[in-house]
């Protein structure tokens, strides 16, 4: 049986933050407090979070197309 892939929402829930905050933390956004950023990134690492390469490519494509 396949193990469920860890998604950013899982990380946000475990960290007790909004999905947007987790997304910003994974991009090292300066709007996220340094201690919160480090905590979220550590939780993501421990959980084995990896961004979906296809979704990342789609997001980049959409940003460039605008």
PDB file of N, CA and C in Angstrom:
ATOM      1  N   UNK A   1       0.834  -1.179   0.000  1.00  0.00           N
ATOM      2  CA  UNK A   1       0.000   0.000   0.000  1.00  0.00           C
ATOM      3  C   UNK A   1       0.884   1.249   0.000  1.00  0.00           C
ATOM      4  N   UNK A   2       0.521   2.221  -0.823  1.00  0.00           N
ATOM      5  CA  UNK A   2       1.315   3.437  -0.924  1.00  0.00           C
ATOM      6  C   UNK A   2       1.120   4.335   0.287  1.00  0.00           C
ATOM      7  N   UNK A   3       2.222   4.963   0.680  1.00  0.00           N
ATOM      8  CA  UNK A   3       2.149   5.948   1.761  1.00  0.00           C
ATOM      9  C   UNK A   3       1.717   7.285   1.167  1.00  0.00           C
ATOM     10  N   UNK A   4       0.863   7.998   1.881  1.00  0.00           N
ATOM     11  CA  UNK A   4       0.360   9.290   1.403  1.00  0.00           C
ATOM     12  C   UNK A   4       1.512  10.298   1.310  1.00  0.00           C
ATOM     13  N   UNK A   5       1.556  10.996   0.182  1.00  0.00           N
ATOM     14  CA  UNK A   5       2.579  12.023  -0.014  1.00  0.00           C
ATOM     15  C   UNK A   5       2.302  13.210   0.911  1.00  0.00           C
ATOM     16  N   UNK A   6       3.351  13.712   1.535  1.00  0.00           N
ATOM     17  CA  UNK A   6       3.219  14.868   2.416  1.00  0.00           C
ATOM     18  C   UNK A   6       3.059  16.115   1.549  1.00  0.00           C
ATOM     19  N   UNK A   7       1.983  16.858   1.789  1.00  0.00           N
ATOM     20  CA  UNK A   7       1.733  18.089   1.049  1.00  0.00           C
ATOM     21  C   UNK A   7       1.891  19.277   1.997  1.00  0.00           C
ATOM     22  N   UNK A   8       1.972  20.454   1.424  1.00  0.00           N
ATOM     23  CA  UNK A   8       2.203  21.660   2.212  1.00  0.00           C
ATOM     24  C   UNK A   8       1.119  21.874   3.264  1.00  0.00           C
ATOM     25  N   UNK A   9      -0.099  21.495   2.959  1.00  0.00           N
ATOM     26  CA  UNK A   9      -1.193  21.628   3.927  1.00  0.00           C
ATOM     27  C   UNK A   9      -0.887  20.807   5.188  1.00  0.00           C
ATOM     28  N   UNK A  10      -0.304  19.619   5.021  1.00  0.00           N
ATOM     29  CA  UNK A  10       0.070  18.782   6.169  1.00  0.00           C
ATOM     30  C   UNK A  10       1.097  19.496   7.044  1.00  0.00           C
ATOM     31  N   UNK A  11       2.067  20.132   6.401  1.00  0.00           N
ATOM     32  CA  UNK A  11       3.097  20.874   7.127  1.00  0.00           C
ATOM     33  C   UNK A  11       2.471  22.036   7.886  1.00  0.00           C
ATOM     34  N   UNK A  12       1.591  22.778   7.229  1.00  0.00           N
ATOM     35  CA  UNK A  12       0.934  23.923   7.859  1.00  0.00           C
ATOM     36  C   UNK A  12       0.134  23.493   9.082  1.00  0.00           C
ATOM     37  N   UNK A  13      -0.594  22.395   8.961  1.00  0.00           N
ATOM     38  CA  UNK A  13      -1.388  21.903  10.089  1.00  0.00           C
ATOM     39  C   UNK A  13      -0.488  21.524  11.250  1.00  0.00           C
ATOM     40  N   UNK A  14       0.570  20.783  10.964  1.00  0.00           N
ATOM     41  CA  UNK A  14       1.482  20.358  12.039  1.00  0.00           C
ATOM     42  C   UNK A  14       2.152  21.566  12.703  1.00  0.00           C
ATOM     43  N   UNK A  15       2.483  22.590  11.902  1.00  0.00           N
ATOM     44  CA  UNK A  15       3.144  23.784  12.433  1.00  0.00           C
ATOM     45  C   UNK A  15       2.160  24.729  13.114  1.00  0.00           C
ATOM     46  N   UNK A  16       0.866  24.529  12.873  1.00  0.00           N
ATOM     47  CA  UNK A  16      -0.141  25.398  13.471  1.00  0.00           C
ATOM     48  C   UNK A  16      -0.202  26.774  12.832  1.00  0.00           C
ATOM     49  N   UNK A  17       0.057  26.806  11.523  1.00  0.00           N
ATOM     50  CA  UNK A  17       0.033  28.085  10.797  1.00  0.00           C
ATOM     51  C   UNK A  17      -0.899  27.952   9.597  1.00  0.00           C
ATOM     52  N   UNK A  18      -1.223  29.086   9.007  1.00  0.00           N
ATOM     53  CA  UNK A  18      -2.044  29.105   7.805  1.00  0.00           C
ATOM     54  C   UNK A  18      -1.234  28.556   6.640  1.00  0.00           C
ATOM     55  N   UNK A  19      -1.916  27.991   5.662  1.00  0.00           N
ATOM     56  CA  UNK A  19      -1.264  27.451   4.468  1.00  0.00           C
ATOM     57  C   UNK A  19      -0.403  28.506   3.769  1.00  0.00           C
ATOM     58  N   UNK A  20      -0.892  29.738   3.724  1.00  0.00           N
ATOM     59  CA  UNK A  20      -0.141  30.825   3.088  1.00  0.00           C
ATOM     60  C   UNK A  20       1.177  31.077   3.811  1.00  0.00           C
ATOM     61  N   UNK A  21       1.165  31.043   5.127  1.00  0.00           N
ATOM     62  CA  UNK A  21       2.386  31.248   5.907  1.00  0.00           C
ATOM     63  C   UNK A  21       3.381  30.136   5.624  1.00  0.00           C
ATOM     64  N   UNK A  22       2.893  28.903   5.553  1.00  0.00           N
ATOM     65  CA  UNK A  22       3.777  27.771   5.255  1.00  0.00           C
ATOM     66  C   UNK A  22       4.386  27.921   3.862  1.00  0.00           C
ATOM     67  N   UNK A  23       3.575  28.317   2.898  1.00  0.00           N
ATOM     68  CA  UNK A  23       4.064  28.504   1.530  1.00  0.00           C
ATOM     69  C   UNK A  23       5.133  29.598   1.483  1.00  0.00           C
ATOM     70  N   UNK A  24       4.875  30.677   2.175  1.00  0.00           N
ATOM     71  CA  UNK A  24       5.859  31.768   2.213  1.00  0.00           C
ATOM     72  C   UNK A  24       7.151  31.328   2.891  1.00  0.00           C
ATOM     73  N   UNK A  25       7.017  30.563   3.961  1.00  0.00           N
ATOM     74  CA  UNK A  25       8.208  30.096   4.681  1.00  0.00           C
ATOM     75  C   UNK A  25       9.070  29.206   3.789  1.00  0.00           C
ATOM     76  N   UNK A  26       8.435  28.378   2.969  1.00  0.00           N
ATOM     77  CA  UNK A  26       9.199  27.484   2.098  1.00  0.00           C
ATOM     78  C   UNK A  26       9.927  28.257   0.998  1.00  0.00           C
ATOM     79  N   UNK A  27       9.493  29.493   0.763  1.00  0.00           N
ATOM     80  CA  UNK A  27      10.147  30.342  -0.247  1.00  0.00           C
ATOM     81  C   UNK A  27      11.042  31.394   0.393  1.00  0.00           C
ATOM     82  N   UNK A  28      11.293  31.265   1.706  1.00  0.00           N
ATOM     83  CA  UNK A  28      12.129  32.223   2.454  1.00  0.00           C
ATOM     84  C   UNK A  28      11.623  33.656   2.327  1.00  0.00           C
ATOM     85  N   UNK A  29      10.321  33.817   2.348  1.00  0.00           N
ATOM     86  CA  UNK A  29       9.697  35.136   2.222  1.00  0.00           C
ATOM     87  C   UNK A  29      10.018  35.981   3.454  1.00  0.00           C
ATOM     88  N   UNK A  30      10.476  37.224   3.251  1.00  0.00           N
ATOM     89  CA  UNK A  30      10.831  38.076   4.391  1.00  0.00           C
ATOM     90  C   UNK A  30       9.637  38.495   5.253  1.00  0.00           C
ATOM     91  N   UNK A  31       8.407  38.261   4.788  1.00  0.00           N
ATOM     92  CA  UNK A  31       7.230  38.590   5.583  1.00  0.00           C
ATOM     93  C   UNK A  31       7.002  37.592   6.724  1.00  0.00           C
ATOM     94  N   UNK A  32       7.716  36.462   6.694  1.00  0.00           N
ATOM     95  CA  UNK A  32       7.591  35.457   7.751  1.00  0.00           C
ATOM     96  C   UNK A  32       8.700  35.694   8.761  1.00  0.00           C
ATOM     97  N   UNK A  33       8.330  35.752  10.034  1.00  0.00           N
ATOM     98  CA  UNK A  33       9.315  35.964  11.097  1.00  0.00           C
ATOM     99  C   UNK A  33      10.375  34.863  11.035  1.00  0.00           C
ATOM    100  N   UNK A  34      11.656  35.217  11.239  1.00  0.00           N
ATOM    101  CA  UNK A  34      12.740  34.241  11.110  1.00  0.00           C
ATOM    102  C   UNK A  34      12.558  32.976  11.960  1.00  0.00           C
ATOM    103  N   UNK A  35      12.082  33.118  13.189  1.00  0.00           N
ATOM    104  CA  UNK A  35      11.900  31.931  14.031  1.00  0.00           C
ATOM    105  C   UNK A  35      10.771  31.038  13.501  1.00  0.00           C
ATOM    106  N   UNK A  36       9.712  31.650  12.995  1.00  0.00           N
ATOM    107  CA  UNK A  36       8.602  30.892  12.416  1.00  0.00           C
ATOM    108  C   UNK A  36       9.057  30.205  11.135  1.00  0.00           C
ATOM    109  N   UNK A  37       9.797  30.918  10.310  1.00  0.00           N
ATOM    110  CA  UNK A  37      10.319  30.372   9.065  1.00  0.00           C
ATOM    111  C   UNK A  37      11.176  29.139   9.343  1.00  0.00           C
ATOM    112  N   UNK A  38      12.085  29.246  10.281  1.00  0.00           N
ATOM    113  CA  UNK A  38      12.976  28.130  10.619  1.00  0.00           C
ATOM    114  C   UNK A  38      12.176  26.941  11.160  1.00  0.00           C
ATOM    115  N   UNK A  39      11.180  27.215  11.984  1.00  0.00           N
ATOM    116  CA  UNK A  39      10.370  26.145  12.575  1.00  0.00           C
ATOM    117  C   UNK A  39       9.583  25.403  11.496  1.00  0.00           C
ATOM    118  N   UNK A  40       8.969  26.144  10.581  1.00  0.00           N
ATOM    119  CA  UNK A  40       8.196  25.522   9.506  1.00  0.00           C
ATOM    120  C   UNK A  40       9.099  24.706   8.594  1.00  0.00           C
ATOM    121  N   UNK A  41      10.249  25.255   8.240  1.00  0.00           N
ATOM    122  CA  UNK A  41      11.165  24.528   7.374  1.00  0.00           C
ATOM    123  C   UNK A  41      11.680  23.258   8.052  1.00  0.00           C
ATOM    124  N   UNK A  42      11.901  23.307   9.349  1.00  0.00           N
ATOM    125  CA  UNK A  42      12.354  22.127  10.084  1.00  0.00           C
ATOM    126  C   UNK A  42      11.264  21.064  10.113  1.00  0.00           C
ATOM    127  N   UNK A  43      10.036  21.477  10.357  1.00  0.00           N
ATOM    128  CA  UNK A  43       8.912  20.540  10.367  1.00  0.00           C
ATOM    129  C   UNK A  43       8.762  19.894   8.991  1.00  0.00           C
ATOM    130  N   UNK A  44       8.863  20.700   7.941  1.00  0.00           N
ATOM    131  CA  UNK A  44       8.745  20.177   6.573  1.00  0.00           C
ATOM    132  C   UNK A  44       9.831  19.134   6.306  1.00  0.00           C
ATOM    133  N   UNK A  45      11.027  19.416   6.746  1.00  0.00           N
ATOM    134  CA  UNK A  45      12.144  18.484   6.551  1.00  0.00           C
ATOM    135  C   UNK A  45      11.886  17.180   7.303  1.00  0.00           C
ATOM    136  N   UNK A  46      11.447  17.286   8.546  1.00  0.00           N
ATOM    137  CA  UNK A  46      11.173  16.103   9.361  1.00  0.00           C
ATOM    138  C   UNK A  46      10.048  15.250   8.771  1.00  0.00           C
ATOM    139  N   UNK A  47       9.063  15.911   8.176  1.00  0.00           N
ATOM    140  CA  UNK A  47       7.926  15.189   7.599  1.00  0.00           C
ATOM    141  C   UNK A  47       8.243  14.615   6.220  1.00  0.00           C
ATOM    142  N   UNK A  48       9.353  15.044   5.626  1.00  0.00           N
ATOM    143  CA  UNK A  48       9.719  14.571   4.301  1.00  0.00           C
ATOM    144  C   UNK A  48       9.009  15.302   3.180  1.00  0.00           C
ATOM    145  N   UNK A  49       8.623  16.555   3.434  1.00  0.00           N
ATOM    146  CA  UNK A  49       7.926  17.347   2.416  1.00  0.00           C
ATOM    147  C   UNK A  49       8.860  17.647   1.248  1.00  0.00           C
ATOM    148  N   UNK A  50       8.350  17.424   0.053  1.00  0.00           N
ATOM    149  CA  UNK A  50       9.055  17.789  -1.176  1.00  0.00           C
ATOM    150  C   UNK A  50       8.041  18.464  -2.091  1.00  0.00           C
ATOM    151  N   UNK A  51       8.366  19.639  -2.628  1.00  0.00           N
ATOM    152  CA  UNK A  51       7.418  20.287  -3.541  1.00  0.00           C
ATOM    153  C   UNK A  51       7.189  19.409  -4.779  1.00  0.00           C
ATOM    154  N   UNK A  52       5.976  19.437  -5.285  1.00  0.00           N
ATOM    155  CA  UNK A  52       5.637  18.678  -6.487  1.00  0.00           C
ATOM    156  C   UNK A  52       6.275  19.380  -7.688  1.00  0.00           C
ATOM    157  N   UNK A  53       7.189  18.720  -8.402  1.00  0.00           N
ATOM    158  CA  UNK A  53       7.876  19.386  -9.516  1.00  0.00           C
ATOM    159  C   UNK A  53       6.933  19.815 -10.647  1.00  0.00           C
ATOM    160  N   UNK A  54       5.880  19.048 -10.874  1.00  0.00           N
ATOM    161  CA  UNK A  54       4.945  19.422 -11.937  1.00  0.00           C
ATOM    162  C   UNK A  54       4.154  20.677 -11.565  1.00  0.00           C
ATOM    163  N   UNK A  55       3.746  20.773 -10.307  1.00  0.00           N
ATOM    164  CA  UNK A  55       3.019  21.971  -9.876  1.00  0.00           C
ATOM    165  C   UNK A  55       3.939  23.190  -9.868  1.00  0.00           C
ATOM    166  N   UNK A  56       5.194  22.984  -9.492  1.00  0.00           N
ATOM    167  CA  UNK A  56       6.155  24.091  -9.505  1.00  0.00           C
ATOM    168  C   UNK A  56       6.368  24.597 -10.932  1.00  0.00           C
ATOM    169  N   UNK A  57       6.488  23.669 -11.875  1.00  0.00           N
ATOM    170  CA  UNK A  57       6.673  24.052 -13.274  1.00  0.00           C
ATOM    171  C   UNK A  57       5.447  24.794 -13.792  1.00  0.00           C
ATOM    172  N   UNK A  58       4.262  24.317 -13.442  1.00  0.00           N
ATOM    173  CA  UNK A  58       3.032  24.970 -13.867  1.00  0.00           C
ATOM    174  C   UNK A  58       2.948  26.385 -13.302  1.00  0.00           C
ATOM    175  N   UNK A  59       3.292  26.533 -12.031  1.00  0.00           N
ATOM    176  CA  UNK A  59       3.252  27.840 -11.392  1.00  0.00           C
ATOM    177  C   UNK A  59       4.210  28.807 -12.078  1.00  0.00           C
ATOM    178  N   UNK A  60       5.407  28.341 -12.376  1.00  0.00           N
ATOM    179  CA  UNK A  60       6.393  29.179 -13.063  1.00  0.00           C
ATOM    180  C   UNK A  60       5.894  29.569 -14.436  1.00  0.00           C
ATOM    181  N   UNK A  61       5.338  28.630 -15.163  1.00  0.00           N
ATOM    182  CA  UNK A  61       4.804  28.883 -16.503  1.00  0.00           C
ATOM    183  C   UNK A  61       3.709  29.940 -16.449  1.00  0.00           C
ATOM    184  N   UNK A  62       2.811  29.800 -15.471  1.00  0.00           N
ATOM    185  CA  UNK A  62       1.703  30.744 -15.366  1.00  0.00           C
ATOM    186  C   UNK A  62       2.189  32.149 -15.022  1.00  0.00           C
ATOM    187  N   UNK A  63       3.222  32.225 -14.184  1.00  0.00           N
ATOM    188  CA  UNK A  63       3.766  33.544 -13.824  1.00  0.00           C
ATOM    189  C   UNK A  63       4.412  34.204 -15.033  1.00  0.00           C
ATOM    190  N   UNK A  64       5.111  33.435 -15.850  1.00  0.00           N
ATOM    191  CA  UNK A  64       5.787  33.975 -17.021  1.00  0.00           C
ATOM    192  C   UNK A  64       4.813  34.344 -18.125  1.00  0.00           C
ATOM    193  N   UNK A  65       3.679  33.651 -18.174  1.00  0.00           N
ATOM    194  CA  UNK A  65       2.684  33.890 -19.230  1.00  0.00           C
ATOM    195  C   UNK A  65       1.902  35.179 -19.008  1.00  0.00           C
ATOM    196  N   UNK A  66       1.872  35.673 -17.785  1.00  0.00           N
ATOM    197  CA  UNK A  66       1.094  36.891 -17.491  1.00  0.00           C
ATOM    198  C   UNK A  66       1.757  38.140 -17.975  1.00  0.00           C
TER     199      UNK A  66
END
